[in-house]
Amino acid sequence: MKIIDLEAHFYTHEYIEYLCNRKEFPREERGEDGIKLWYTENFWAPRSYDLEERLLELGEARIKELDADGIDMQVISLTNPNVQLFEEKEGVHWAKRVNDELSTVIGKYPDRYIGLATVAPQNPQEAAKEIERAIEELGLKGIVVQSHAQNEYLDDKKYWPLFEKAEALDVPIYLHPIAPSTSILEPYAKYGFPLAGPILGFAADVSLHVMRLIYSGLFDQYPNLKIILGHLGEGLPYWFPRLDFYWHKKWVGKGPGIKRKPSDYLKTNFVITTSGIFFQPAFLCAYLAMGADKIAFAVDYPYEENTEALAFMKEAPICDEDKEKIYHLNAERIFKL
């Protein structure tokens, strides 16, 4: 059975060099014991040199690993910290540089990689232009957005040109986690990245962002917009009854002025992936809530291992027809392969 990994990541040598030379945040600091990715003066995330080397490898070594594990294609996107944390001009510049290099890689391995374009929402008009260039000229198949842009969420209408362009081109946006915005980072600070990262902060930030997008009326304005969420939907399928609270409980008063229940938008405008959560009870909750047509296989490579993700999916107690949708058919539909 064909297998497409819908979430894998990369770096470029030029981009890392820039992170290492930055004086402002975010920046990369290299030491004897490993790498620190500084987001603020009090908050940093750890990274090993081995992991960074795997992020940089987009040639034969990664292809060999995919072959050994039986994965046919990877959907690849720039890893954290993304250009959304830079000043406006820097973000626009580096989005273009990264997309150019990604396009070159795709050109070398068109049957093995699908590219997601990096954009800098700090300048919405330029971001919309870069989406069009990346899709129409560079051959990329979608966009990756790291939850917030310089601490702002994209429900603000000034950012909607991005979504308008994505809908017009019929390409998906992968809404990927990053450390929570500084406005809500303080409660995590005592425990640092072990709390603010994948443990809790990533999912909390993205799920908050998703609800803000829904409440803003974005999907009423752009009903064909497609958003991808990793990590089994960042916990949102578990919360469906609570997300729809205002629509079920007459005594709480009027809810947000949107046309449908939040869960309806999640079921129609979103696809979720299995990246990074290889836990059958969580998968079954998402599967029952969303349905097999709205779930795609993903690893979160190289932060997670292909072998673990594949073993998890193999053991999932669902029919082979639905497994085929999750392994590759849904991805082929989303990216029009």
Protein backbone atom coordinates (compact mmCIF):
# COMPACT_ATOMS: atom_id res chain seq x y z
CA MET A 1 0.00 0.00 0.00
CA LYS A 2 1.33 3.44 -0.91
CA ILE A 3 2.30 5.63 2.05
CA ILE A 4 2.56 9.43 2.15
CA ASP A 5 3.90 11.18 5.25
CA LEU A 6 1.99 14.45 5.48
CA GLU A 7 4.31 16.14 7.99
CA ALA A 8 8.09 16.14 7.73
CA HIS A 9 10.51 19.00 8.24
CA PHE A 10 13.74 20.48 6.97
CA TYR A 11 16.30 23.24 7.39
CA THR A 12 18.65 24.85 4.90
CA HIS A 13 22.32 25.54 5.66
CA GLU A 14 21.86 29.19 4.79
CA TYR A 15 18.88 29.52 7.12
CA ILE A 16 20.74 27.96 10.06
CA GLU A 17 23.72 30.22 9.47
CA TYR A 18 21.37 33.20 9.63
CA LEU A 19 19.81 31.96 12.90
CA CYS A 20 23.28 31.52 14.40
CA ASN A 21 24.33 35.05 13.42
CA ARG A 22 21.19 36.82 14.64
CA LYS A 23 21.46 39.07 17.69
CA GLU A 24 17.72 39.33 18.11
CA PHE A 25 15.29 36.55 18.96
CA PRO A 26 14.78 33.95 17.65
CA ARG A 27 18.37 32.81 17.31
CA GLU A 28 20.41 29.63 17.53
CA GLU A 29 23.17 29.16 20.07
CA ARG A 30 25.61 26.27 19.69
CA GLY A 31 27.38 24.72 22.66
CA GLU A 32 29.31 21.58 23.58
CA ASP A 33 26.21 19.86 24.92
CA GLY A 34 23.87 20.77 22.06
CA ILE A 35 21.89 23.60 20.51
CA LYS A 36 19.63 26.14 22.17
CA LEU A 37 16.93 27.84 20.11
CA TRP A 38 16.23 31.09 21.93
CA TYR A 39 12.72 32.52 21.47
CA THR A 40 12.92 35.14 24.22
CA GLU A 41 15.58 36.09 26.75
CA ASN A 42 14.03 33.63 29.22
CA PHE A 43 12.80 30.85 26.96
CA TRP A 44 14.69 28.39 24.77
CA ALA A 45 14.12 24.98 23.17
CA PRO A 46 16.75 22.23 23.01
CA ARG A 47 17.98 20.58 19.83
CA SER A 48 20.72 18.01 19.26
CA TYR A 49 23.33 18.22 16.52
CA ASP A 50 22.18 14.86 15.22
CA LEU A 51 18.61 16.12 14.86
CA GLU A 52 19.79 19.22 13.04
CA GLU A 53 21.81 17.09 10.62
CA ARG A 54 18.71 15.05 9.85
CA LEU A 55 16.76 18.25 9.22
CA LEU A 56 19.42 19.38 6.77
CA GLU A 57 19.52 16.09 4.86
CA LEU A 58 17.18 16.22 1.87
CA GLY A 59 19.19 14.05 -0.50
CA GLU A 60 20.02 10.40 -0.90
CA ALA A 61 20.44 9.64 2.79
CA ARG A 62 16.86 10.68 3.61
CA ILE A 63 15.55 8.91 0.50
CA LYS A 64 17.37 5.76 1.59
CA GLU A 65 15.67 5.96 4.99
CA LEU A 66 12.27 6.42 3.36
CA ASP A 67 12.90 3.39 1.16
CA ALA A 68 13.94 1.27 4.13
CA ASP A 69 10.77 2.19 6.02
CA GLY A 70 8.44 1.86 3.03
CA ILE A 71 7.38 5.50 2.81
CA ASP A 72 6.79 6.68 -0.74
CA MET A 73 6.58 10.45 -0.26
CA GLN A 74 7.08 13.14 2.38
CA VAL A 75 5.31 16.49 2.60
CA ILE A 76 8.11 18.76 3.80
CA SER A 77 8.04 22.18 5.44
CA LEU A 78 10.50 24.50 7.17
CA THR A 79 10.87 23.67 10.83
CA ASN A 80 10.76 26.00 13.86
CA PRO A 81 11.66 28.74 14.36
CA ASN A 82 9.99 29.96 11.19
CA VAL A 83 10.17 33.33 9.45
CA GLN A 84 6.99 34.51 11.19
CA LEU A 85 9.05 35.55 14.20
CA PHE A 86 11.29 37.89 12.20
CA GLU A 87 10.76 41.54 11.44
CA GLU A 88 8.63 42.12 8.35
CA LYS A 89 11.35 42.66 5.74
CA GLU A 90 13.47 39.79 7.07
CA GLY A 91 10.49 37.47 7.05
CA VAL A 92 9.55 38.29 3.47
CA HIS A 93 13.18 37.89 2.32
CA TRP A 94 13.77 34.55 4.02
CA ALA A 95 10.45 33.08 2.95
CA LYS A 96 11.51 33.58 -0.66
CA ARG A 97 15.00 32.18 -0.09
CA VAL A 98 13.66 29.06 1.65
CA ASN A 99 10.99 28.49 -1.00
CA ASP A 100 13.52 28.79 -3.80
CA GLU A 101 15.74 26.18 -2.20
CA LEU A 102 12.80 23.90 -1.45
CA SER A 103 11.71 24.12 -5.07
CA THR A 104 15.18 23.02 -6.16
CA VAL A 105 14.95 19.95 -3.91
CA ILE A 106 11.48 19.12 -5.24
CA GLY A 107 12.87 19.36 -8.76
CA LYS A 108 15.50 16.75 -7.94
CA TYR A 109 13.07 14.36 -6.25
CA PRO A 110 9.59 15.11 -7.65
CA ASP A 111 8.32 11.63 -6.88
CA ARG A 112 9.49 11.66 -3.26
CA TYR A 113 8.77 15.13 -1.87
CA ILE A 114 5.81 17.51 -1.78
CA GLY A 115 6.70 21.03 -0.71
CA LEU A 116 4.81 23.43 1.55
CA ALA A 117 5.69 27.08 1.01
CA THR A 118 6.90 29.28 3.85
CA VAL A 119 5.29 32.72 4.09
CA ALA A 120 5.65 35.78 6.32
CA PRO A 121 2.15 36.87 7.40
CA GLN A 122 3.69 39.98 8.99
CA ASN A 123 3.19 41.47 5.52
CA PRO A 124 -0.11 39.96 4.35
CA GLN A 125 0.01 41.38 0.84
CA GLU A 126 3.55 40.12 0.23
CA ALA A 127 2.61 36.78 1.79
CA ALA A 128 -0.29 36.44 -0.66
CA LYS A 129 2.07 37.23 -3.54
CA GLU A 130 4.55 34.64 -2.30
CA ILE A 131 1.82 32.02 -2.07
CA GLU A 132 0.96 32.62 -5.72
CA ARG A 133 4.64 32.54 -6.77
CA ALA A 134 5.35 29.39 -4.76
CA ILE A 135 2.36 27.53 -6.19
CA GLU A 136 2.29 28.81 -9.77
CA GLU A 137 6.03 29.20 -10.44
CA LEU A 138 7.90 27.01 -7.96
CA GLY A 139 5.60 23.98 -8.04
CA LEU A 140 4.91 23.81 -4.31
CA LYS A 141 1.59 22.30 -3.25
CA GLY A 142 0.50 24.16 -0.13
CA ILE A 143 1.48 26.57 2.63
CA VAL A 144 2.76 26.15 6.17
CA VAL A 145 1.85 28.74 8.80
CA GLN A 146 3.33 28.63 12.29
CA SER A 147 0.44 29.42 14.61
CA HIS A 148 1.11 33.11 15.39
CA ALA A 149 3.00 35.86 13.57
CA GLN A 150 5.01 38.00 15.98
CA ASN A 151 2.49 37.17 18.72
CA GLU A 152 -0.58 37.96 16.61
CA TYR A 153 -3.15 35.38 15.54
CA LEU A 154 -4.38 35.36 11.98
CA ASP A 155 -8.09 35.80 12.73
CA ASP A 156 -7.48 39.56 12.42
CA LYS A 157 -8.88 40.54 9.03
CA LYS A 158 -5.66 42.25 7.99
CA TYR A 159 -4.25 38.72 7.51
CA TRP A 160 -7.13 37.42 5.40
CA PRO A 161 -5.44 38.05 2.03
CA LEU A 162 -3.44 34.87 2.78
CA PHE A 163 -6.58 32.82 3.17
CA GLU A 164 -8.24 34.44 0.17
CA LYS A 165 -5.26 33.49 -2.00
CA ALA A 166 -5.09 29.94 -0.65
CA GLU A 167 -8.78 29.38 -1.37
CA ALA A 168 -8.48 30.91 -4.84
CA LEU A 169 -5.58 28.60 -5.70
CA ASP A 170 -7.29 25.63 -3.97
CA VAL A 171 -4.25 24.76 -1.85
CA PRO A 172 -4.21 23.77 1.85
CA ILE A 173 -2.63 25.63 4.74
CA TYR A 174 -0.86 23.53 7.36
CA LEU A 175 -1.31 25.32 10.70
CA HIS A 176 1.73 24.15 12.65
CA PRO A 177 2.61 24.73 16.31
CA ILE A 178 5.24 27.04 17.66
CA ALA A 179 5.95 28.17 21.21
CA PRO A 180 2.99 30.12 22.58
CA SER A 181 2.94 33.87 22.04
CA THR A 182 4.77 35.94 24.62
CA SER A 183 1.44 37.29 25.86
CA ILE A 184 0.58 33.84 27.25
CA LEU A 185 4.07 32.34 27.63
CA GLU A 186 4.59 33.51 31.22
CA PRO A 187 2.54 30.75 32.90
CA TYR A 188 4.78 28.21 31.13
CA ALA A 189 8.04 29.97 31.99
CA LYS A 190 8.75 28.24 35.30
CA TYR A 191 9.01 24.87 33.52
CA GLY A 192 10.23 26.13 30.12
CA PHE A 193 10.09 24.10 26.93
CA PRO A 194 9.11 20.82 28.68
CA LEU A 195 5.74 22.48 29.34
CA ALA A 196 5.49 25.09 26.58
CA GLY A 197 6.58 22.74 23.77
CA PRO A 198 4.95 19.53 22.49
CA ILE A 199 3.86 18.52 26.00
CA LEU A 200 1.11 21.14 26.20
CA GLY A 201 1.98 24.58 24.86
CA PHE A 202 2.00 23.64 21.17
CA ALA A 203 -1.48 22.12 21.20
CA ALA A 204 -2.89 24.82 23.48
CA ASP A 205 -1.66 27.57 21.18
CA VAL A 206 -2.83 26.01 17.92
CA SER A 207 -6.23 24.96 19.28
CA LEU A 208 -6.76 28.50 20.56
CA HIS A 209 -5.79 29.85 17.14
CA VAL A 210 -8.20 27.48 15.38
CA MET A 211 -11.12 28.59 17.55
CA ARG A 212 -10.28 32.22 16.93
CA LEU A 213 -10.28 31.57 13.16
CA ILE A 214 -13.65 29.84 13.40
CA TYR A 215 -15.22 32.54 15.59
CA SER A 216 -13.92 35.27 13.27
CA GLY A 217 -16.19 34.07 10.46
CA LEU A 218 -13.20 33.18 8.26
CA PHE A 219 -14.82 30.01 6.95
CA ASP A 220 -18.10 31.73 6.21
CA GLN A 221 -16.14 34.20 4.08
CA TYR A 222 -13.99 31.47 2.47
CA PRO A 223 -16.08 28.30 2.64
CA ASN A 224 -13.71 26.23 0.49
CA LEU A 225 -10.61 27.03 2.52
CA LYS A 226 -8.69 23.91 3.63
CA ILE A 227 -6.65 23.79 6.84
CA ILE A 228 -4.47 20.89 7.98
CA LEU A 229 -3.78 20.28 11.68
CA GLY A 230 -1.16 17.86 12.96
CA HIS A 231 -1.06 15.84 16.16
CA LEU A 232 -4.55 14.39 15.75
CA GLY A 233 -6.11 17.83 15.57
CA GLU A 234 -4.29 19.33 18.57
CA GLY A 235 -6.89 17.82 20.91
CA LEU A 236 -9.90 19.49 19.31
CA PRO A 237 -11.81 16.32 18.29
CA TYR A 238 -11.97 15.34 21.97
CA TRP A 239 -13.67 18.64 22.76
CA PHE A 240 -16.42 18.65 20.12
CA PRO A 241 -19.38 18.74 22.56
CA ARG A 242 -17.77 21.55 24.57
CA LEU A 243 -16.83 23.51 21.45
CA ASP A 244 -20.52 23.50 20.50
CA PHE A 245 -21.67 24.49 24.00
CA TYR A 246 -23.33 27.75 22.93
CA TRP A 247 -25.35 25.91 20.30
CA HIS A 248 -26.61 23.21 22.69
CA LYS A 249 -27.33 25.16 25.87
CA LYS A 250 -30.12 27.65 25.40
CA TRP A 251 -29.57 29.25 28.82
CA VAL A 252 -26.08 30.59 28.09
CA GLY A 253 -27.25 33.26 25.66
CA LYS A 254 -26.20 34.14 22.14
CA GLY A 255 -23.04 32.55 20.77
CA PRO A 256 -20.54 33.97 18.28
CA GLY A 257 -22.07 35.27 15.06
CA ILE A 258 -21.10 32.42 12.75
CA LYS A 259 -23.38 30.32 10.56
CA ARG A 260 -22.60 26.87 11.94
CA LYS A 261 -21.36 25.09 15.04
CA PRO A 262 -17.56 25.03 15.52
CA SER A 263 -17.47 21.25 15.09
CA ASP A 264 -19.16 21.62 11.70
CA TYR A 265 -16.30 23.79 10.43
CA LEU A 266 -13.75 21.36 11.84
CA LYS A 267 -15.42 18.48 10.01
CA THR A 268 -15.69 20.28 6.67
CA ASN A 269 -12.74 22.69 6.42
CA PHE A 270 -10.07 20.76 8.30
CA VAL A 271 -7.99 17.63 7.83
CA ILE A 272 -5.99 16.26 10.76
CA THR A 273 -2.87 14.12 10.71
CA THR A 274 -1.47 11.43 12.98
CA SER A 275 1.88 13.22 13.41
CA GLY A 276 3.53 12.74 16.77
CA ILE A 277 0.60 11.08 18.59
CA PHE A 278 0.84 7.32 18.23
CA PHE A 279 -1.76 6.46 20.85
CA GLN A 280 -4.71 4.30 19.86
CA PRO A 281 -7.32 5.78 22.26
CA ALA A 282 -6.60 9.28 20.95
CA PHE A 283 -6.66 8.04 17.36
CA LEU A 284 -10.01 6.30 17.83
CA CYS A 285 -11.51 9.46 19.32
CA ALA A 286 -10.34 11.48 16.31
CA TYR A 287 -11.42 8.75 13.89
CA LEU A 288 -14.94 8.60 15.34
CA ALA A 289 -15.24 12.39 15.52
CA MET A 290 -13.81 13.31 12.11
CA GLY A 291 -14.13 10.19 9.95
CA ALA A 292 -11.51 8.46 7.81
CA ASP A 293 -11.85 10.98 4.96
CA LYS A 294 -10.49 13.71 7.24
CA ILE A 295 -7.39 11.98 8.64
CA ALA A 296 -3.99 11.58 6.97
CA PHE A 297 -0.92 9.63 8.01
CA ALA A 298 2.04 11.69 9.21
CA VAL A 299 5.19 11.12 11.22
CA ASP A 300 6.56 14.55 12.23
CA TYR A 301 9.95 13.46 10.91
CA PRO A 302 12.69 13.73 12.14
CA TYR A 303 11.30 14.62 15.57
CA GLU A 304 9.50 11.27 15.52
CA GLU A 305 10.61 7.98 13.98
CA ASN A 306 9.07 6.51 10.85
CA THR A 307 9.09 3.01 12.30
CA GLU A 308 7.01 3.97 15.34
CA ALA A 309 4.47 5.88 13.26
CA LEU A 310 4.08 2.97 10.83
CA ALA A 311 3.75 0.36 13.56
CA PHE A 312 1.06 2.48 15.21
CA MET A 313 -0.94 2.80 11.98
CA LYS A 314 -0.57 -0.88 11.18
CA GLU A 315 -2.12 -1.77 14.55
CA ALA A 316 -5.02 0.70 14.27
CA PRO A 317 -8.29 -1.29 14.67
CA ILE A 318 -9.96 0.01 11.51
CA CYS A 319 -10.76 -1.52 8.13
CA ASP A 320 -8.21 -1.68 5.31
CA GLU A 321 -10.34 0.63 3.15
CA ASP A 322 -10.08 3.40 5.73
CA LYS A 323 -6.38 2.72 6.26
CA GLU A 324 -5.81 3.27 2.56
CA LYS A 325 -7.54 6.63 2.77
CA ILE A 326 -5.35 7.61 5.70
CA TYR A 327 -2.10 6.26 4.24
CA HIS A 328 -2.32 8.00 0.88
CA LEU A 329 -5.71 8.59 -0.77
CA ASN A 330 -6.60 11.64 1.35
CA ALA A 331 -3.18 13.20 0.76
CA GLU A 332 -3.50 12.61 -2.99
CA ARG A 333 -6.88 14.34 -2.93
CA ILE A 334 -5.68 17.28 -0.84
CA PHE A 335 -2.64 17.96 -2.99
CA LYS A 336 -4.24 16.93 -6.28
CA LEU A 337 -1.54 14.37 -7.04
